[in-house]
PDB file of N, CA and C in Angstrom:
ATOM      1  N   MET A   1     -22.552  19.404  -5.472  1.00  0.00           N
ATOM      2  CA  MET A   1     -22.223  18.028  -5.426  1.00  0.00           C
ATOM      3  C   MET A   1     -20.514  18.110  -5.182  1.00  0.00           C
ATOM      4  N   GLY A   2     -19.735  18.981  -5.904  1.00  0.00           N
ATOM      5  CA  GLY A   2     -18.571  18.999  -5.809  1.00  0.00           C
ATOM      6  C   GLY A   2     -17.856  19.512  -4.180  1.00  0.00           C
ATOM      7  N   ASN A   3     -18.519  20.034  -3.742  1.00  0.00           N
ATOM      8  CA  ASN A   3     -18.205  20.719  -2.381  1.00  0.00           C
ATOM      9  C   ASN A   3     -17.982  19.630  -1.423  1.00  0.00           C
ATOM     10  N   ILE A   4     -19.136  18.537  -1.684  1.00  0.00           N
ATOM     11  CA  ILE A   4     -18.863  17.429  -0.425  1.00  0.00           C
ATOM     12  C   ILE A   4     -17.689  16.733  -0.162  1.00  0.00           C
ATOM     13  N   TRP A   5     -17.281  16.553  -1.591  1.00  0.00           N
ATOM     14  CA  TRP A   5     -15.945  15.734  -1.702  1.00  0.00           C
ATOM     15  C   TRP A   5     -14.776  16.525  -1.257  1.00  0.00           C
ATOM     16  N   ILE A   6     -14.908  17.928  -1.141  1.00  0.00           N
ATOM     17  CA  ILE A   6     -13.592  18.530  -0.448  1.00  0.00           C
ATOM     18  C   ILE A   6     -13.931  18.504   1.174  1.00  0.00           C
ATOM     19  N   ILE A   7     -14.968  17.828   1.556  1.00  0.00           N
ATOM     20  CA  ILE A   7     -15.326  17.889   3.071  1.00  0.00           C
ATOM     21  C   ILE A   7     -15.202  16.412   3.488  1.00  0.00           C
ATOM     22  N   ALA A   8     -15.461  15.539   2.466  1.00  0.00           N
ATOM     23  CA  ALA A   8     -15.574  14.125   2.683  1.00  0.00           C
ATOM     24  C   ALA A   8     -14.353  13.487   2.828  1.00  0.00           C
ATOM     25  N   ILE A   9     -13.320  13.886   1.659  1.00  0.00           N
ATOM     26  CA  ILE A   9     -11.951  13.140   1.440  1.00  0.00           C
ATOM     27  C   ILE A   9     -11.066  13.471   2.796  1.00  0.00           C
ATOM     28  N   PRO A  10     -10.643  14.824   3.032  1.00  0.00           N
ATOM     29  CA  PRO A  10      -9.952  14.999   4.009  1.00  0.00           C
ATOM     30  C   PRO A  10     -10.659  14.312   5.483  1.00  0.00           C
ATOM     31  N   LEU A  11     -11.862  14.729   5.675  1.00  0.00           N
ATOM     32  CA  LEU A  11     -12.195  13.813   6.764  1.00  0.00           C
ATOM     33  C   LEU A  11     -12.317  12.581   6.972  1.00  0.00           C
ATOM     34  N   PHE A  12     -12.476  11.708   5.971  1.00  0.00           N
ATOM     35  CA  PHE A  12     -11.864  10.305   5.831  1.00  0.00           C
ATOM     36  C   PHE A  12     -10.792   9.882   5.770  1.00  0.00           C
ATOM     37  N   LEU A  13      -9.586  10.935   5.638  1.00  0.00           N
ATOM     38  CA  LEU A  13      -8.199  10.582   6.148  1.00  0.00           C
ATOM     39  C   LEU A  13      -7.954  10.461   7.241  1.00  0.00           C
ATOM     40  N   ILE A  14      -8.116  11.740   7.847  1.00  0.00           N
ATOM     41  CA  ILE A  14      -8.217  12.183   9.120  1.00  0.00           C
ATOM     42  C   ILE A  14      -8.536  10.943  10.136  1.00  0.00           C
ATOM     43  N   ILE A  15     -10.101  10.414   9.872  1.00  0.00           N
ATOM     44  CA  ILE A  15     -10.212   9.264  10.553  1.00  0.00           C
ATOM     45  C   ILE A  15      -9.834   8.281  10.223  1.00  0.00           C
ATOM     46  N   THR A  16      -9.173   7.706   9.264  1.00  0.00           N
ATOM     47  CA  THR A  16      -8.120   6.861   8.787  1.00  0.00           C
ATOM     48  C   THR A  16      -7.030   6.811   9.658  1.00  0.00           C
ATOM     49  N   PHE A  17      -6.495   7.731   9.528  1.00  0.00           N
ATOM     50  CA  PHE A  17      -5.133   7.984  10.503  1.00  0.00           C
ATOM     51  C   PHE A  17      -5.251   7.981  11.884  1.00  0.00           C
ATOM     52  N   LEU A  18      -6.439   8.635  12.430  1.00  0.00           N
ATOM     53  CA  LEU A  18      -6.657   8.282  13.705  1.00  0.00           C
ATOM     54  C   LEU A  18      -7.061   7.102  14.211  1.00  0.00           C
ATOM     55  N   PHE A  19      -7.553   6.253  13.626  1.00  0.00           N
ATOM     56  CA  PHE A  19      -8.198   4.925  13.630  1.00  0.00           C
ATOM     57  C   PHE A  19      -6.902   4.113  14.011  1.00  0.00           C
ATOM     58  N   TRP A  20      -5.900   4.209  12.689  1.00  0.00           N
ATOM     59  CA  TRP A  20      -4.491   3.221  12.464  1.00  0.00           C
ATOM     60  C   TRP A  20      -4.006   3.582  13.909  1.00  0.00           C
ATOM     61  N   ARG A  21      -3.539   4.925  14.001  1.00  0.00           N
ATOM     62  CA  ARG A  21      -2.690   5.374  15.142  1.00  0.00           C
ATOM     63  C   ARG A  21      -3.466   4.619  16.449  1.00  0.00           C
ATOM     64  N   PHE A  22      -4.499   4.797  17.038  1.00  0.00           N
ATOM     65  CA  PHE A  22      -5.177   4.177  18.089  1.00  0.00           C
ATOM     66  C   PHE A  22      -5.014   2.327  18.356  1.00  0.00           C
ATOM     67  N   THR A  23      -5.264   1.911  17.086  1.00  0.00           N
ATOM     68  CA  THR A  23      -5.372   0.493  17.119  1.00  0.00           C
ATOM     69  C   THR A  23      -4.176  -0.255  16.440  1.00  0.00           C
ATOM     70  N   HIS A  24      -3.292   0.138  15.965  1.00  0.00           N
ATOM     71  CA  HIS A  24      -2.223  -0.510  15.204  1.00  0.00           C
ATOM     72  C   HIS A  24      -1.352  -1.254  15.886  1.00  0.00           C
ATOM     73  N   THR A  25      -0.876  -0.732  17.176  1.00  0.00           N
ATOM     74  CA  THR A  25      -0.187  -1.697  18.192  1.00  0.00           C
ATOM     75  C   THR A  25      -0.747  -2.671  18.716  1.00  0.00           C
ATOM     76  N   TYR A  26      -2.300  -2.559  19.129  1.00  0.00           N
ATOM     77  CA  TYR A  26      -3.033  -3.443  19.845  1.00  0.00           C
ATOM     78  C   TYR A  26      -2.803  -4.328  18.518  1.00  0.00           C
ATOM     79  N   PHE A  27      -3.548  -4.203  17.826  1.00  0.00           N
ATOM     80  CA  PHE A  27      -3.733  -5.390  16.626  1.00  0.00           C
ATOM     81  C   PHE A  27      -2.280  -6.057  16.429  1.00  0.00           C
ATOM     82  N   LYS A  28      -1.152  -5.684  16.126  1.00  0.00           N
ATOM     83  CA  LYS A  28      -0.059  -6.145  16.015  1.00  0.00           C
ATOM     84  C   LYS A  28       0.353  -6.849  17.312  1.00  0.00           C
ATOM     85  N   ASN A  29       0.291  -6.442  18.326  1.00  0.00           N
ATOM     86  CA  ASN A  29       0.918  -7.141  19.372  1.00  0.00           C
ATOM     87  C   ASN A  29       0.124  -7.983  19.952  1.00  0.00           C
ATOM     88  N   GLU A  30      -1.246  -7.649  20.189  1.00  0.00           N
ATOM     89  CA  GLU A  30      -2.168  -8.630  21.044  1.00  0.00           C
ATOM     90  C   GLU A  30      -3.339  -9.604  19.995  1.00  0.00           C
ATOM     91  N   VAL A  31      -3.417  -9.105  19.068  1.00  0.00           N
ATOM     92  CA  VAL A  31      -4.461  -9.819  18.132  1.00  0.00           C
ATOM     93  C   VAL A  31      -3.724 -10.776  17.212  1.00  0.00           C
ATOM     94  N   TYR A  32      -2.671 -10.497  16.470  1.00  0.00           N
ATOM     95  CA  TYR A  32      -2.077 -11.293  15.314  1.00  0.00           C
ATOM     96  C   TYR A  32      -0.654 -11.835  15.946  1.00  0.00           C
ATOM     97  N   GLY A  33       0.060 -11.003  16.907  1.00  0.00           N
ATOM     98  CA  GLY A  33       1.114 -11.213  17.292  1.00  0.00           C
ATOM     99  C   GLY A  33       2.408 -10.970  16.165  1.00  0.00           C
ATOM    100  N   GLU A  34       3.564 -10.716  16.631  1.00  0.00           N
ATOM    101  CA  GLU A  34       4.807 -10.319  15.541  1.00  0.00           C
ATOM    102  C   GLU A  34       4.758 -11.231  14.383  1.00  0.00           C
ATOM    103  N   LYS A  35       4.997 -12.593  14.719  1.00  0.00           N
ATOM    104  CA  LYS A  35       4.909 -13.476  13.658  1.00  0.00           C
ATOM    105  C   LYS A  35       3.702 -13.560  12.432  1.00  0.00           C
ATOM    106  N   MET A  36       2.795 -13.615  12.968  1.00  0.00           N
ATOM    107  CA  MET A  36       1.795 -13.413  11.974  1.00  0.00           C
ATOM    108  C   MET A  36       1.339 -12.135  11.394  1.00  0.00           C
ATOM    109  N   TRP A  37       1.790 -11.047  12.157  1.00  0.00           N
ATOM    110  CA  TRP A  37       1.418  -9.536  11.673  1.00  0.00           C
ATOM    111  C   TRP A  37       2.602  -9.417  10.499  1.00  0.00           C
ATOM    112  N   LYS A  38       3.751 -10.331  10.411  1.00  0.00           N
ATOM    113  CA  LYS A  38       4.528 -10.074   8.877  1.00  0.00           C
ATOM    114  C   LYS A  38       3.632 -10.541   7.372  1.00  0.00           C
ATOM    115  N   LYS A  39       2.846 -11.527   7.847  1.00  0.00           N
ATOM    116  CA  LYS A  39       2.209 -12.247   6.899  1.00  0.00           C
ATOM    117  C   LYS A  39       1.341 -10.965   5.757  1.00  0.00           C
ATOM    118  N   PHE A  40       0.691 -10.920   4.783  1.00  0.00           N
ATOM    119  CA  PHE A  40       0.276 -10.336   3.784  1.00  0.00           C
ATOM    120  C   PHE A  40      -1.362 -10.109   4.216  1.00  0.00           C
ATOM    121  N   GLY A  41      -2.066 -11.500   4.671  1.00  0.00           N
ATOM    122  CA  GLY A  41      -2.999 -11.935   4.992  1.00  0.00           C
ATOM    123  C   GLY A  41      -3.560 -11.165   6.417  1.00  0.00           C
ATOM    124  N   SER A  42      -2.695 -11.050   7.203  1.00  0.00           N
ATOM    125  CA  SER A  42      -2.991 -10.151   8.532  1.00  0.00           C
ATOM    126  C   SER A  42      -3.210  -8.798   8.125  1.00  0.00           C
ATOM    127  N   LYS A  43      -2.188  -8.036   7.755  1.00  0.00           N
ATOM    128  CA  LYS A  43      -2.250  -7.142   7.263  1.00  0.00           C
ATOM    129  C   LYS A  43      -3.483  -6.359   6.499  1.00  0.00           C
ATOM    130  N   ALA A  44      -3.771  -7.420   5.601  1.00  0.00           N
ATOM    131  CA  ALA A  44      -5.003  -6.951   4.475  1.00  0.00           C
ATOM    132  C   ALA A  44      -6.230  -7.165   5.123  1.00  0.00           C
ATOM    133  N   ILE A  45      -6.333  -8.306   6.075  1.00  0.00           N
ATOM    134  CA  ILE A  45      -7.423  -7.831   6.909  1.00  0.00           C
ATOM    135  C   ILE A  45      -7.806  -6.492   7.815  1.00  0.00           C
ATOM    136  N   TYR A  46      -6.531  -6.160   8.201  1.00  0.00           N
ATOM    137  CA  TYR A  46      -6.643  -5.140   8.917  1.00  0.00           C
ATOM    138  C   TYR A  46      -6.564  -3.985   8.549  1.00  0.00           C
ATOM    139  N   TRP A  47      -6.371  -3.907   7.644  1.00  0.00           N
ATOM    140  CA  TRP A  47      -6.397  -2.653   6.495  1.00  0.00           C
ATOM    141  C   TRP A  47      -7.891  -2.548   5.825  1.00  0.00           C
ATOM    142  N   GLN A  48      -8.771  -3.844   5.689  1.00  0.00           N
ATOM    143  CA  GLN A  48      -9.812  -3.535   5.088  1.00  0.00           C
ATOM    144  C   GLN A  48     -10.490  -3.121   6.432  1.00  0.00           C
ATOM    145  N   GLY A  49     -10.743  -3.840   7.458  1.00  0.00           N
ATOM    146  CA  GLY A  49     -11.526  -3.050   8.532  1.00  0.00           C
ATOM    147  C   GLY A  49     -11.178  -1.732   8.951  1.00  0.00           C
ATOM    148  N   THR A  50     -10.132  -1.514   8.915  1.00  0.00           N
ATOM    149  CA  THR A  50      -9.755  -0.015   9.188  1.00  0.00           C
ATOM    150  C   THR A  50     -10.332   1.130   8.113  1.00  0.00           C
ATOM    151  N   LEU A  51     -10.331   0.494   6.801  1.00  0.00           N
ATOM    152  CA  LEU A  51     -11.053   1.441   5.466  1.00  0.00           C
ATOM    153  C   LEU A  51     -12.581   1.146   5.787  1.00  0.00           C
ATOM    154  N   PHE A  52     -13.297   0.109   6.615  1.00  0.00           N
ATOM    155  CA  PHE A  52     -14.425  -0.059   6.419  1.00  0.00           C
ATOM    156  C   PHE A  52     -15.096   0.870   7.561  1.00  0.00           C
ATOM    157  N   VAL A  53     -14.465   0.796   8.581  1.00  0.00           N
ATOM    158  CA  VAL A  53     -14.900   1.417   9.805  1.00  0.00           C
ATOM    159  C   VAL A  53     -14.704   3.059   9.697  1.00  0.00           C
ATOM    160  N   SER A  54     -13.497   3.442   8.818  1.00  0.00           N
ATOM    161  CA  SER A  54     -13.382   4.841   8.640  1.00  0.00           C
ATOM    162  C   SER A  54     -14.585   5.432   7.823  1.00  0.00           C
ATOM    163  N   GLY A  55     -14.870   4.631   6.831  1.00  0.00           N
ATOM    164  CA  GLY A  55     -15.826   4.983   5.702  1.00  0.00           C
ATOM    165  C   GLY A  55     -17.240   5.322   6.555  1.00  0.00           C
ATOM    166  N   GLY A  56     -17.385   4.192   7.477  1.00  0.00           N
ATOM    167  CA  GLY A  56     -18.789   4.295   8.040  1.00  0.00           C
ATOM    168  C   GLY A  56     -18.749   5.431   9.079  1.00  0.00           C
ATOM    169  N   ILE A  57     -17.850   5.775   9.436  1.00  0.00           N
ATOM    170  CA  ILE A  57     -17.914   7.199  10.384  1.00  0.00           C
ATOM    171  C   ILE A  57     -17.804   8.210   9.597  1.00  0.00           C
ATOM    172  N   THR A  58     -17.166   8.266   8.614  1.00  0.00           N
ATOM    173  CA  THR A  58     -17.215   9.417   7.787  1.00  0.00           C
ATOM    174  C   THR A  58     -18.700   9.449   7.442  1.00  0.00           C
ATOM    175  N   TYR A  59     -19.118   8.688   6.853  1.00  0.00           N
ATOM    176  CA  TYR A  59     -20.724   8.643   6.293  1.00  0.00           C
ATOM    177  C   TYR A  59     -21.751   9.358   7.649  1.00  0.00           C
ATOM    178  N   LEU A  60     -21.192   8.265   8.483  1.00  0.00           N
ATOM    179  CA  LEU A  60     -22.193   8.869  10.069  1.00  0.00           C
ATOM    180  C   LEU A  60     -22.150  10.732  10.192  1.00  0.00           C
ATOM    181  N   ILE A  61     -21.026  11.013  10.263  1.00  0.00           N
ATOM    182  CA  ILE A  61     -20.589  12.324  10.680  1.00  0.00           C
ATOM    183  C   ILE A  61     -21.102  13.186   9.435  1.00  0.00           C
ATOM    184  N   LEU A  62     -20.979  12.880   8.256  1.00  0.00           N
ATOM    185  CA  LEU A  62     -21.541  13.782   6.894  1.00  0.00           C
ATOM    186  C   LEU A  62     -23.256  13.567   7.025  1.00  0.00           C
ATOM    187  N   TYR A  63     -23.763  12.460   7.371  1.00  0.00           N
ATOM    188  CA  TYR A  63     -25.298  12.534   7.409  1.00  0.00           C
ATOM    189  C   TYR A  63     -25.898  13.246   8.721  1.00  0.00           C
ATOM    190  N   LEU A  64     -24.980  13.256  10.089  1.00  0.00           N
ATOM    191  CA  LEU A  64     -25.328  14.309  10.667  1.00  0.00           C
ATOM    192  C   LEU A  64     -25.216  15.654  10.705  1.00  0.00           C
ATOM    193  N   LEU A  65     -24.228  15.903   9.934  1.00  0.00           N
ATOM    194  CA  LEU A  65     -24.064  17.393   9.444  1.00  0.00           C
ATOM    195  C   LEU A  65     -25.047  18.004   8.124  1.00  0.00           C
ATOM    196  N   LYS A  66     -25.699  16.895   7.892  1.00  0.00           N
ATOM    197  CA  LYS A  66     -26.743  17.150   6.760  1.00  0.00           C
ATOM    198  C   LYS A  66     -28.284  17.166   7.649  1.00  0.00           C
ATOM    199  N   VAL A  67     -28.166  16.216   8.466  1.00  0.00           N
ATOM    200  CA  VAL A  67     -29.479  16.218   9.223  1.00  0.00           C
ATOM    201  C   VAL A  67     -29.687  17.271   9.869  1.00  0.00           C
ATOM    202  N   ASN A  68     -28.750  18.045  10.502  1.00  0.00           N
ATOM    203  CA  ASN A  68     -28.633  19.268  11.579  1.00  0.00           C
ATOM    204  C   ASN A  68     -28.553  20.400  10.620  1.00  0.00           C
ATOM    205  N   ALA A  69     -28.681  20.237   9.396  1.00  0.00           N
ATOM    206  CA  ALA A  69     -28.499  21.384   8.434  1.00  0.00           C
ATOM    207  C   ALA A  69     -27.247  22.253   8.638  1.00  0.00           C
ATOM    208  N   ILE A  70     -26.250  21.810   8.889  1.00  0.00           N
ATOM    209  CA  ILE A  70     -24.789  22.190   8.783  1.00  0.00           C
ATOM    210  C   ILE A  70     -24.274  22.449   7.546  1.00  0.00           C
ATOM    211  N   LEU A  71     -24.351  21.329   7.264  1.00  0.00           N
ATOM    212  CA  LEU A  71     -23.744  20.992   5.430  1.00  0.00           C
ATOM    213  C   LEU A  71     -25.033  20.736   4.505  1.00  0.00           C
ATOM    214  N   THR A  72     -24.916  21.485   3.651  1.00  0.00           N
ATOM    215  CA  THR A  72     -26.027  21.306   2.635  1.00  0.00           C
ATOM    216  C   THR A  72     -25.826  20.791   1.296  1.00  0.00           C
ATOM    217  N   PHE A  73     -26.231  19.803   0.705  1.00  0.00           N
ATOM    218  CA  PHE A  73     -25.336  19.113  -0.515  1.00  0.00           C
ATOM    219  C   PHE A  73     -26.618  18.306  -1.245  1.00  0.00           C
TER     220      PHE A  73
END
């Protein structure tokens, strides 16, 4: 059980960073705009979505690794 966390946490952090890197400027400029982006609520909604998507992708990758017998836990 402990080995799964060694893989899951770095995988989650990498996916979160990549998602942030590719979507941050789009949401800042196109979706919310500069003025709305400075408000806490807009950033909170963005980060909530970012963490949700990253968690889902991490779960999907770990599930696929388990189903294909690459990772056993």
